[in-house]
C-alpha atoms as a PDB file:
ATOM      1  CA  MET A   1       1.984 -17.210   4.014  1.00  0.00           C
ATOM      2  CA  LYS A   2      -0.700 -14.601   3.846  1.00  0.00           C
ATOM      3  CA  ILE A   3      -0.149 -10.997   2.849  1.00  0.00           C
ATOM      4  CA  VAL A   4      -2.726  -8.144   3.066  1.00  0.00           C
ATOM      5  CA  SER A   5      -2.118  -4.722   1.520  1.00  0.00           C
ATOM      6  CA  LEU A   6      -4.475  -1.669   1.589  1.00  0.00           C
ATOM      7  CA  ASN A   7      -4.395   2.133   1.249  1.00  0.00           C
ATOM      8  CA  ALA A   8      -6.289   2.787   4.519  1.00  0.00           C
ATOM      9  CA  PHE A   9      -7.489   6.316   3.638  1.00  0.00           C
ATOM     10  CA  GLU A  10      -6.813   8.348   6.679  1.00  0.00           C
ATOM     11  CA  SER A  11      -7.928  11.632   5.174  1.00  0.00           C
ATOM     12  CA  PRO A  12      -8.582  14.975   6.754  1.00  0.00           C
ATOM     13  CA  LEU A  13     -11.538  15.187   4.443  1.00  0.00           C
ATOM     14  CA  SER A  14     -13.154  11.994   5.896  1.00  0.00           C
ATOM     15  CA  ARG A  15     -15.307  12.168   8.999  1.00  0.00           C
ATOM     16  CA  THR A  16     -15.281   8.363   9.508  1.00  0.00           C
ATOM     17  CA  ASN A  17     -11.496   7.761   9.988  1.00  0.00           C
ATOM     18  CA  LYS A  18     -11.616   6.648  13.610  1.00  0.00           C
ATOM     19  CA  ILE A  19     -14.551   4.192  13.214  1.00  0.00           C
ATOM     20  CA  ARG A  20     -13.338   2.850   9.856  1.00  0.00           C
ATOM     21  CA  LEU A  21      -9.797   2.235  11.030  1.00  0.00           C
ATOM     22  CA  LYS A  22     -10.946   0.482  14.182  1.00  0.00           C
ATOM     23  CA  LYS A  23     -13.134  -1.740  12.120  1.00  0.00           C
ATOM     24  CA  LEU A  24     -10.305  -2.266   9.572  1.00  0.00           C
ATOM     25  CA  THR A  25      -8.010  -3.442  12.360  1.00  0.00           C
ATOM     26  CA  GLU A  26     -10.659  -5.925  13.524  1.00  0.00           C
ATOM     27  CA  GLU A  27     -11.016  -7.305  10.017  1.00  0.00           C
ATOM     28  CA  LEU A  28      -7.321  -7.575   9.523  1.00  0.00           C
ATOM     29  CA  LEU A  29      -7.044  -9.575  12.721  1.00  0.00           C
ATOM     30  CA  ARG A  30      -9.898 -11.882  11.578  1.00  0.00           C
ATOM     31  CA  LEU A  31      -8.006 -12.591   8.346  1.00  0.00           C
ATOM     32  CA  LYS A  32      -4.859 -13.560  10.379  1.00  0.00           C
ATOM     33  CA  PRO A  33      -2.304 -12.431   7.807  1.00  0.00           C
ATOM     34  CA  ASP A  34       1.449 -13.051   8.366  1.00  0.00           C
ATOM     35  CA  ILE A  35       2.199  -9.630   6.733  1.00  0.00           C
ATOM     36  CA  ILE A  36       0.119  -6.462   6.814  1.00  0.00           C
ATOM     37  CA  CYS A  37       1.110  -3.429   4.697  1.00  0.00           C
ATOM     38  CA  LEU A  38      -0.934  -0.278   4.997  1.00  0.00           C
ATOM     39  CA  GLN A  39      -0.587   3.015   3.215  1.00  0.00           C
ATOM     40  CA  GLU A  40      -2.048   6.445   4.042  1.00  0.00           C
ATOM     41  CA  ILE A  41      -1.895   6.114   7.840  1.00  0.00           C
ATOM     42  CA  ILE A  42      -0.976   9.838   8.048  1.00  0.00           C
ATOM     43  CA  LYS A  43      -1.109  10.621  11.749  1.00  0.00           C
ATOM     44  CA  ALA A  44       1.644   9.491  14.145  1.00  0.00           C
ATOM     45  CA  LYS A  45      -0.980   8.845  16.880  1.00  0.00           C
ATOM     46  CA  THR A  46      -2.968   6.614  14.529  1.00  0.00           C
ATOM     47  CA  ALA A  47       0.129   4.594  13.552  1.00  0.00           C
ATOM     48  CA  ARG A  48       0.993   4.114  17.236  1.00  0.00           C
ATOM     49  CA  ARG A  49      -2.591   3.116  17.952  1.00  0.00           C
ATOM     50  CA  ILE A  50      -2.603   0.440  15.261  1.00  0.00           C
ATOM     51  CA  GLN A  51       0.826  -0.722  16.505  1.00  0.00           C
ATOM     52  CA  LYS A  52      -0.578  -1.076  20.001  1.00  0.00           C
ATOM     53  CA  LEU A  53      -3.692  -2.975  18.790  1.00  0.00           C
ATOM     54  CA  LEU A  54      -1.620  -5.470  16.818  1.00  0.00           C
ATOM     55  CA  GLN A  55       1.056  -6.162  19.391  1.00  0.00           C
ATOM     56  CA  PRO A  56      -0.972  -8.651  21.580  1.00  0.00           C
ATOM     57  CA  TYR A  57      -1.521 -10.787  18.448  1.00  0.00           C
ATOM     58  CA  GLY A  58       2.106 -11.357  17.904  1.00  0.00           C
ATOM     59  CA  TYR A  59       2.812  -8.603  15.255  1.00  0.00           C
ATOM     60  CA  ARG A  60       5.931  -6.511  15.177  1.00  0.00           C
ATOM     61  CA  THR A  61       4.873  -3.216  13.588  1.00  0.00           C
ATOM     62  CA  PHE A  62       7.109  -0.808  11.767  1.00  0.00           C
ATOM     63  CA  ILE A  63       6.056   2.890  11.637  1.00  0.00           C
ATOM     64  CA  GLN A  64       7.878   6.208  11.154  1.00  0.00           C
ATOM     65  CA  PRO A  65       6.111   8.522  13.665  1.00  0.00           C
ATOM     66  CA  LYS A  66       7.276  12.110  14.199  1.00  0.00           C
ATOM     67  CA  ARG A  67       5.588  14.887  16.104  1.00  0.00           C
ATOM     68  CA  ILE A  68       2.392  14.955  14.159  1.00  0.00           C
ATOM     69  CA  PHE A  69       2.857  12.781  10.943  1.00  0.00           C
ATOM     70  CA  ASN A  70       3.750   9.164  10.304  1.00  0.00           C
ATOM     71  CA  HIS A  71       6.450   9.626   7.559  1.00  0.00           C
ATOM     72  CA  GLY A  72       5.478   7.978   4.293  1.00  0.00           C
ATOM     73  CA  GLY A  73       2.071   7.200   5.762  1.00  0.00           C
ATOM     74  CA  LEU A  74       3.257   3.549   5.877  1.00  0.00           C
ATOM     75  CA  VAL A  75       2.688   0.674   8.334  1.00  0.00           C
ATOM     76  CA  CYS A  76       4.172  -2.713   7.990  1.00  0.00           C
ATOM     77  CA  ALA A  77       3.199  -5.435  10.614  1.00  0.00           C
ATOM     78  CA  VAL A  78       4.765  -8.883  10.487  1.00  0.00           C
ATOM     79  CA  LYS A  79       4.656 -12.139  12.422  1.00  0.00           C
ATOM     80  CA  LEU A  80       7.724 -13.621  10.834  1.00  0.00           C
ATOM     81  CA  PRO A  81      11.275 -13.248  12.218  1.00  0.00           C
ATOM     82  CA  VAL A  82      12.759  -9.911  11.039  1.00  0.00           C
ATOM     83  CA  ILE A  83      16.285  -9.785   9.672  1.00  0.00           C
ATOM     84  CA  LYS A  84      16.376  -6.017   9.065  1.00  0.00           C
ATOM     85  CA  HIS A  85      14.034  -3.132   8.302  1.00  0.00           C
ATOM     86  CA  GLU A  86      14.340   0.481   7.089  1.00  0.00           C
ATOM     87  CA  PHE A  87      12.360   3.369   5.663  1.00  0.00           C
ATOM     88  CA  THR A  88      13.724   5.374   2.731  1.00  0.00           C
ATOM     89  CA  PRO A  89      12.084   8.679   1.692  1.00  0.00           C
ATOM     90  CA  PHE A  90      11.891   9.388  -2.095  1.00  0.00           C
ATOM     91  CA  LYS A  91      14.426  11.902  -3.211  1.00  0.00           C
ATOM     92  CA  ASN A  92      11.875  13.830  -5.254  1.00  0.00           C
ATOM     93  CA  GLN A  93       8.994  14.829  -3.064  1.00  0.00           C
ATOM     94  CA  GLY A  94       6.735  16.309  -5.782  1.00  0.00           C
ATOM     95  CA  VAL A  95       5.628  19.572  -7.158  1.00  0.00           C
ATOM     96  CA  HIS A  96       5.466  22.521  -4.709  1.00  0.00           C
ATOM     97  CA  VAL A  97       2.676  24.473  -6.321  1.00  0.00           C
ATOM     98  CA  SER A  98       0.113  21.658  -6.527  1.00  0.00           C
ATOM     99  CA  LEU A  99      -1.834  19.208  -4.482  1.00  0.00           C
ATOM    100  CA  GLN A 100       1.303  17.171  -4.313  1.00  0.00           C
ATOM    101  CA  LEU A 101       2.474  19.714  -1.723  1.00  0.00           C
ATOM    102  CA  ALA A 102       0.305  17.787   0.809  1.00  0.00           C
ATOM    103  CA  GLU A 103       2.255  14.665  -0.060  1.00  0.00           C
ATOM    104  CA  ARG A 104       5.604  16.419   0.563  1.00  0.00           C
ATOM    105  CA  ILE A 105       4.618  17.018   4.161  1.00  0.00           C
ATOM    106  CA  ILE A 106       4.474  13.311   5.072  1.00  0.00           C
ATOM    107  CA  LYS A 107       7.679  12.561   3.056  1.00  0.00           C
ATOM    108  CA  LYS A 108       6.556   9.693   0.831  1.00  0.00           C
ATOM    109  CA  GLY A 109       8.940   6.785   0.456  1.00  0.00           C
ATOM    110  CA  TYR A 110       9.131   3.040   0.888  1.00  0.00           C
ATOM    111  CA  GLN A 111       9.633   0.563   3.744  1.00  0.00           C
ATOM    112  CA  CYS A 112      11.975  -2.368   3.169  1.00  0.00           C
ATOM    113  CA  VAL A 113      11.525  -5.326   5.572  1.00  0.00           C
ATOM    114  CA  LYS A 114      13.594  -8.462   5.196  1.00  0.00           C
ATOM    115  CA  LEU A 115      12.065 -11.552   6.847  1.00  0.00           C
ATOM    116  CA  GLN A 116      12.893 -15.076   7.419  1.00  0.00           C
ATOM    117  CA  THR A 117      10.276 -17.833   6.580  1.00  0.00           C
ATOM    118  CA  ASP A 118      10.686 -21.534   7.655  1.00  0.00           C
ATOM    119  CA  THR A 119      12.538 -22.258   4.346  1.00  0.00           C
ATOM    120  CA  PHE A 120      13.926 -18.919   2.901  1.00  0.00           C
ATOM    121  CA  PRO A 121      14.321 -15.188   3.403  1.00  0.00           C
ATOM    122  CA  VAL A 122      11.933 -12.728   1.671  1.00  0.00           C
ATOM    123  CA  THR A 123      12.111  -9.027   1.387  1.00  0.00           C
ATOM    124  CA  VAL A 124       8.892  -6.942   1.427  1.00  0.00           C
ATOM    125  CA  PHE A 125       8.743  -3.419  -0.016  1.00  0.00           C
ATOM    126  CA  ASN A 126       5.705  -1.299   1.092  1.00  0.00           C
ATOM    127  CA  THR A 127       5.167   2.013  -0.722  1.00  0.00           C
ATOM    128  CA  HIS A 128       2.721   4.796  -1.643  1.00  0.00           C
ATOM    129  CA  VAL A 129       3.937   6.550  -4.919  1.00  0.00           C
ATOM    130  CA  ALA A 130       3.048  10.091  -5.847  1.00  0.00           C
ATOM    131  CA  SER A 131      -0.639  10.820  -6.746  1.00  0.00           C
ATOM    132  CA  ILE A 132      -1.475  12.506 -10.034  1.00  0.00           C
ATOM    133  CA  PHE A 133      -3.796  15.371  -9.453  1.00  0.00           C
ATOM    134  CA  ARG A 134      -3.634  16.706 -12.977  1.00  0.00           C
ATOM    135  CA  LYS A 135      -3.378  14.048 -15.736  1.00  0.00           C
ATOM    136  CA  LYS A 136      -1.596  16.390 -18.130  1.00  0.00           C
ATOM    137  CA  SER A 137       0.931  17.670 -15.565  1.00  0.00           C
ATOM    138  CA  LYS A 138       4.341  16.674 -16.934  1.00  0.00           C
ATOM    139  CA  LYS A 139       5.949  17.472 -13.579  1.00  0.00           C
ATOM    140  CA  GLN A 140       3.530  15.367 -11.585  1.00  0.00           C
ATOM    141  CA  LEU A 141       3.894  12.452 -13.982  1.00  0.00           C
ATOM    142  CA  GLN A 142       7.647  12.796 -13.804  1.00  0.00           C
ATOM    143  CA  THR A 143       7.532  12.668  -9.988  1.00  0.00           C
ATOM    144  CA  ARG A 144       5.636   9.434 -10.162  1.00  0.00           C
ATOM    145  CA  PHE A 145       8.126   7.902 -12.610  1.00  0.00           C
ATOM    146  CA  VAL A 146      11.146   8.819 -10.534  1.00  0.00           C
ATOM    147  CA  HIS A 147       9.498   7.353  -7.426  1.00  0.00           C
ATOM    148  CA  VAL A 148       9.004   4.049  -9.287  1.00  0.00           C
ATOM    149  CA  ARG A 149      12.565   4.229 -10.583  1.00  0.00           C
ATOM    150  CA  GLN A 150      14.068   4.816  -7.152  1.00  0.00           C
ATOM    151  CA  LEU A 151      12.032   1.939  -5.684  1.00  0.00           C
ATOM    152  CA  LEU A 152      13.047  -0.455  -8.554  1.00  0.00           C
ATOM    153  CA  ASP A 153      16.706   0.508  -8.077  1.00  0.00           C
ATOM    154  CA  ALA A 154      16.416  -0.740  -4.473  1.00  0.00           C
ATOM    155  CA  ILE A 155      14.506  -3.895  -5.554  1.00  0.00           C
ATOM    156  CA  VAL A 156      17.070  -4.858  -8.248  1.00  0.00           C
ATOM    157  CA  LYS A 157      19.952  -4.380  -5.690  1.00  0.00           C
ATOM    158  CA  THR A 158      18.179  -6.551  -3.110  1.00  0.00           C
ATOM    159  CA  LYS A 159      17.564  -9.555  -5.449  1.00  0.00           C
ATOM    160  CA  GLY A 160      16.222 -12.841  -4.054  1.00  0.00           C
ATOM    161  CA  ASN A 161      12.517 -13.360  -3.078  1.00  0.00           C
ATOM    162  CA  ILE A 162      10.717 -10.031  -3.383  1.00  0.00           C
ATOM    163  CA  ILE A 163       7.219  -8.869  -2.473  1.00  0.00           C
ATOM    164  CA  SER A 164       6.550  -5.232  -3.594  1.00  0.00           C
ATOM    165  CA  THR A 165       3.118  -3.908  -2.529  1.00  0.00           C
ATOM    166  CA  GLY A 166       1.223  -0.689  -2.082  1.00  0.00           C
ATOM    167  CA  ASP A 167      -0.612   2.078  -3.810  1.00  0.00           C
ATOM    168  CA  TYR A 168       1.378   2.894  -6.959  1.00  0.00           C
ATOM    169  CA  ASN A 169      -1.041   5.405  -8.382  1.00  0.00           C
ATOM    170  CA  PHE A 170      -0.656   4.011 -11.952  1.00  0.00           C
ATOM    171  CA  THR A 171      -2.784   1.804 -13.971  1.00  0.00           C
ATOM    172  CA  PRO A 172      -1.985  -1.491 -15.788  1.00  0.00           C
ATOM    173  CA  HIS A 173      -1.859   0.599 -19.013  1.00  0.00           C
ATOM    174  CA  ASP A 174       0.790   3.119 -17.799  1.00  0.00           C
ATOM    175  CA  GLN A 175       4.488   2.813 -18.654  1.00  0.00           C
ATOM    176  CA  GLU A 176       5.462   2.304 -14.933  1.00  0.00           C
ATOM    177  CA  HIS A 177       3.539  -1.027 -14.996  1.00  0.00           C
ATOM    178  CA  ARG A 178       5.711  -2.281 -17.772  1.00  0.00           C
ATOM    179  CA  PHE A 179       8.755  -0.824 -16.138  1.00  0.00           C
ATOM    180  CA  MET A 180       8.041  -2.897 -12.918  1.00  0.00           C
ATOM    181  CA  GLU A 181       7.838  -5.992 -15.045  1.00  0.00           C
ATOM    182  CA  LYS A 182      10.809  -5.467 -17.417  1.00  0.00           C
ATOM    183  CA  ALA A 183      13.266  -3.559 -15.182  1.00  0.00           C
ATOM    184  CA  GLY A 184      12.199  -5.080 -11.931  1.00  0.00           C
ATOM    185  CA  GLY A 185      11.596  -8.632 -13.040  1.00  0.00           C
ATOM    186  CA  LEU A 186       8.335  -8.596 -11.113  1.00  0.00           C
ATOM    187  CA  THR A 187       4.910 -10.115 -11.893  1.00  0.00           C
ATOM    188  CA  ASP A 188       1.466  -8.576 -11.266  1.00  0.00           C
ATOM    189  CA  PRO A 189      -0.714 -11.800 -10.718  1.00  0.00           C
ATOM    190  CA  LEU A 190      -3.939  -9.827 -11.184  1.00  0.00           C
ATOM    191  CA  GLU A 191      -2.766  -8.218 -14.474  1.00  0.00           C
ATOM    192  CA  ILE A 192      -5.197 -10.103 -16.745  1.00  0.00           C
ATOM    193  CA  THR A 193      -8.257  -9.784 -14.479  1.00  0.00           C
ATOM    194  CA  TYR A 194      -8.621  -5.918 -14.650  1.00  0.00           C
ATOM    195  CA  PHE A 195     -10.295  -5.899 -11.208  1.00  0.00           C
ATOM    196  CA  PRO A 196     -10.304  -2.252 -10.002  1.00  0.00           C
ATOM    197  CA  THR A 197      -9.123  -1.238  -6.585  1.00  0.00           C
ATOM    198  CA  VAL A 198     -10.632   2.276  -6.978  1.00  0.00           C
ATOM    199  CA  SER A 199     -14.299   2.600  -7.892  1.00  0.00           C
ATOM    200  CA  PRO A 200     -16.974   5.364  -7.867  1.00  0.00           C
ATOM    201  CA  LYS A 201     -19.179   2.645  -6.169  1.00  0.00           C
ATOM    202  CA  ASN A 202     -17.031   2.998  -3.049  1.00  0.00           C
ATOM    203  CA  THR A 203     -19.019   4.932  -0.436  1.00  0.00           C
ATOM    204  CA  ASN A 204     -15.949   6.939   0.384  1.00  0.00           C
ATOM    205  CA  ARG A 205     -15.595   8.273  -3.191  1.00  0.00           C
ATOM    206  CA  LYS A 206     -19.250   9.144  -4.160  1.00  0.00           C
ATOM    207  CA  LYS A 207     -18.836  12.762  -3.083  1.00  0.00           C
ATOM    208  CA  SER A 208     -15.200  13.146  -4.177  1.00  0.00           C
ATOM    209  CA  PHE A 209     -14.470  16.313  -6.069  1.00  0.00           C
ATOM    210  CA  ILE A 210     -10.765  15.383  -6.686  1.00  0.00           C
ATOM    211  CA  TRP A 211     -10.862  11.871  -8.264  1.00  0.00           C
ATOM    212  CA  PRO A 212     -12.502  10.731 -11.500  1.00  0.00           C
ATOM    213  CA  LYS A 213     -15.791   8.875 -11.535  1.00  0.00           C
ATOM    214  CA  TYR A 214     -14.524   5.646 -13.123  1.00  0.00           C
ATOM    215  CA  SER A 215     -13.032   2.324 -11.962  1.00  0.00           C
ATOM    216  CA  VAL A 216      -9.402   1.963 -12.124  1.00  0.00           C
ATOM    217  CA  ARG A 217      -6.580  -0.163 -10.585  1.00  0.00           C
ATOM    218  CA  HIS A 218      -3.843   1.617  -8.631  1.00  0.00           C
ATOM    219  CA  ASP A 219      -2.845  -1.023  -6.044  1.00  0.00           C
ATOM    220  CA  TYR A 220      -0.652  -4.053  -6.571  1.00  0.00           C
ATOM    221  CA  THR A 221       1.180  -6.842  -4.835  1.00  0.00           C
ATOM    222  CA  TRP A 222       4.097  -7.726  -7.144  1.00  0.00           C
ATOM    223  CA  LEU A 223       5.965 -10.903  -6.840  1.00  0.00           C
ATOM    224  CA  SER A 224       9.475 -11.987  -7.945  1.00  0.00           C
ATOM    225  CA  LYS A 225       9.525 -14.983 -10.286  1.00  0.00           C
ATOM    226  CA  SER A 226      10.858 -17.095  -7.555  1.00  0.00           C
ATOM    227  CA  LEU A 227       7.700 -16.423  -5.464  1.00  0.00           C
ATOM    228  CA  LEU A 228       5.342 -16.584  -8.333  1.00  0.00           C
ATOM    229  CA  LYS A 229       5.939 -20.351  -8.417  1.00  0.00           C
ATOM    230  CA  LYS A 230       4.619 -20.513  -4.849  1.00  0.00           C
ATOM    231  CA  LEU A 231       1.461 -18.391  -5.472  1.00  0.00           C
ATOM    232  CA  HIS A 232      -1.716 -20.005  -4.175  1.00  0.00           C
ATOM    233  CA  LYS A 233      -4.060 -17.119  -4.834  1.00  0.00           C
ATOM    234  CA  GLN A 234      -4.366 -13.352  -5.062  1.00  0.00           C
ATOM    235  CA  LYS A 235      -7.704 -11.483  -4.878  1.00  0.00           C
ATOM    236  CA  ILE A 236      -9.333  -8.226  -4.213  1.00  0.00           C
ATOM    237  CA  ILE A 237     -10.764  -7.754  -0.657  1.00  0.00           C
ATOM    238  CA  PHE A 238     -12.604  -5.130   1.391  1.00  0.00           C
ATOM    239  CA  ASP A 239     -14.698  -4.381  -1.791  1.00  0.00           C
ATOM    240  CA  THR A 240     -18.015  -4.508  -0.007  1.00  0.00           C
ATOM    241  CA  PRO A 241     -19.440  -2.114   2.596  1.00  0.00           C
ATOM    242  CA  TYR A 242     -19.514  -3.032   6.324  1.00  0.00           C
ATOM    243  CA  LYS A 243     -22.268  -1.993   8.764  1.00  0.00           C
ATOM    244  CA  ILE A 244     -20.678   0.462  11.191  1.00  0.00           C
ATOM    245  CA  LYS A 245     -22.846   2.394  13.517  1.00  0.00           C
ATOM    246  CA  ARG A 246     -26.113   1.882  11.540  1.00  0.00           C
ATOM    247  CA  ARG A 247     -24.344   2.891   8.298  1.00  0.00           C
ATOM    248  CA  PHE A 248     -22.976   0.748   5.520  1.00  0.00           C
ATOM    249  CA  ILE A 249     -19.596   2.125   4.482  1.00  0.00           C
ATOM    250  CA  HIS A 250     -16.395   0.726   2.863  1.00  0.00           C
ATOM    251  CA  LEU A 251     -13.322   0.517   5.139  1.00  0.00           C
ATOM    252  CA  SER A 252     -11.277   2.650   2.822  1.00  0.00           C
ATOM    253  CA  ASP A 253     -11.578   4.582  -0.457  1.00  0.00           C
ATOM    254  CA  HIS A 254      -9.467   1.776  -2.072  1.00  0.00           C
ATOM    255  CA  TYR A 255      -9.999  -1.973  -2.067  1.00  0.00           C
ATOM    256  CA  GLY A 256      -7.324  -4.184  -0.682  1.00  0.00           C
ATOM    257  CA  ILE A 257      -5.370  -7.159  -2.006  1.00  0.00           C
ATOM    258  CA  LEU A 258      -4.939 -10.540  -0.373  1.00  0.00           C
ATOM    259  CA  THR A 259      -2.002 -12.696  -1.449  1.00  0.00           C
ATOM    260  CA  GLU A 260      -1.414 -16.298  -0.300  1.00  0.00           C
ATOM    261  CA  LEU A 261       1.780 -18.177  -0.963  1.00  0.00           C
ATOM    262  CA  LYS A 262       2.541 -21.842  -0.390  1.00  0.00           C
ATOM    263  CA  VAL A 263       5.434 -21.629   2.026  1.00  0.00           C
END
């Protein structure tokens, strides 16, 4: 079973959204994953477009489109039989007087999709946790923590075979990482590698005035201990630029994660 997760970077500040996301969809189809989890697909029309592009290839795609925005910015596309699915917004939507206000508009939260493999059920959580725009802001840090806590409450109640993936906006050194391991009973297979998923070498970040100019890891695909035994490999993908209309650009401002399980 192959799982791909990526923050797809549909940003109003990017002029390459359309061509990047089209190329991204092509590359996703080339990888032939059983489960695709995307974050930061902000516009409802973009989410519907991706849903339409994936449908002929056997994917059932879950989105939350409203008039303008796709709530949560989340997309989960699966080829496996679906038992149930739902989207849950976070109760705390961030600080009003800050850049987190933009995140309030799309109502961040998490998708929960329960699937049936040939041998056992598995539950996938796809999320995008609050961004920290000021590292010393206690309110912003508290928002991130309560997002993780609400997600973990749902994970602990679910039990069984769990995959929790997405952009968590914390590093392996932050308390939330330890919280995921200890309270959630989950494992980060890439923990000892320190591979970054956010880098100043990324073509979409070179001119950024918001984010720091150093490499860091914010993206994860966590596995329950029952699935860790079935792990074949996990690696960083989409970390090299693609030639698109005579330019070499990365598909997102994040790198993705590919996970393969022996199922």
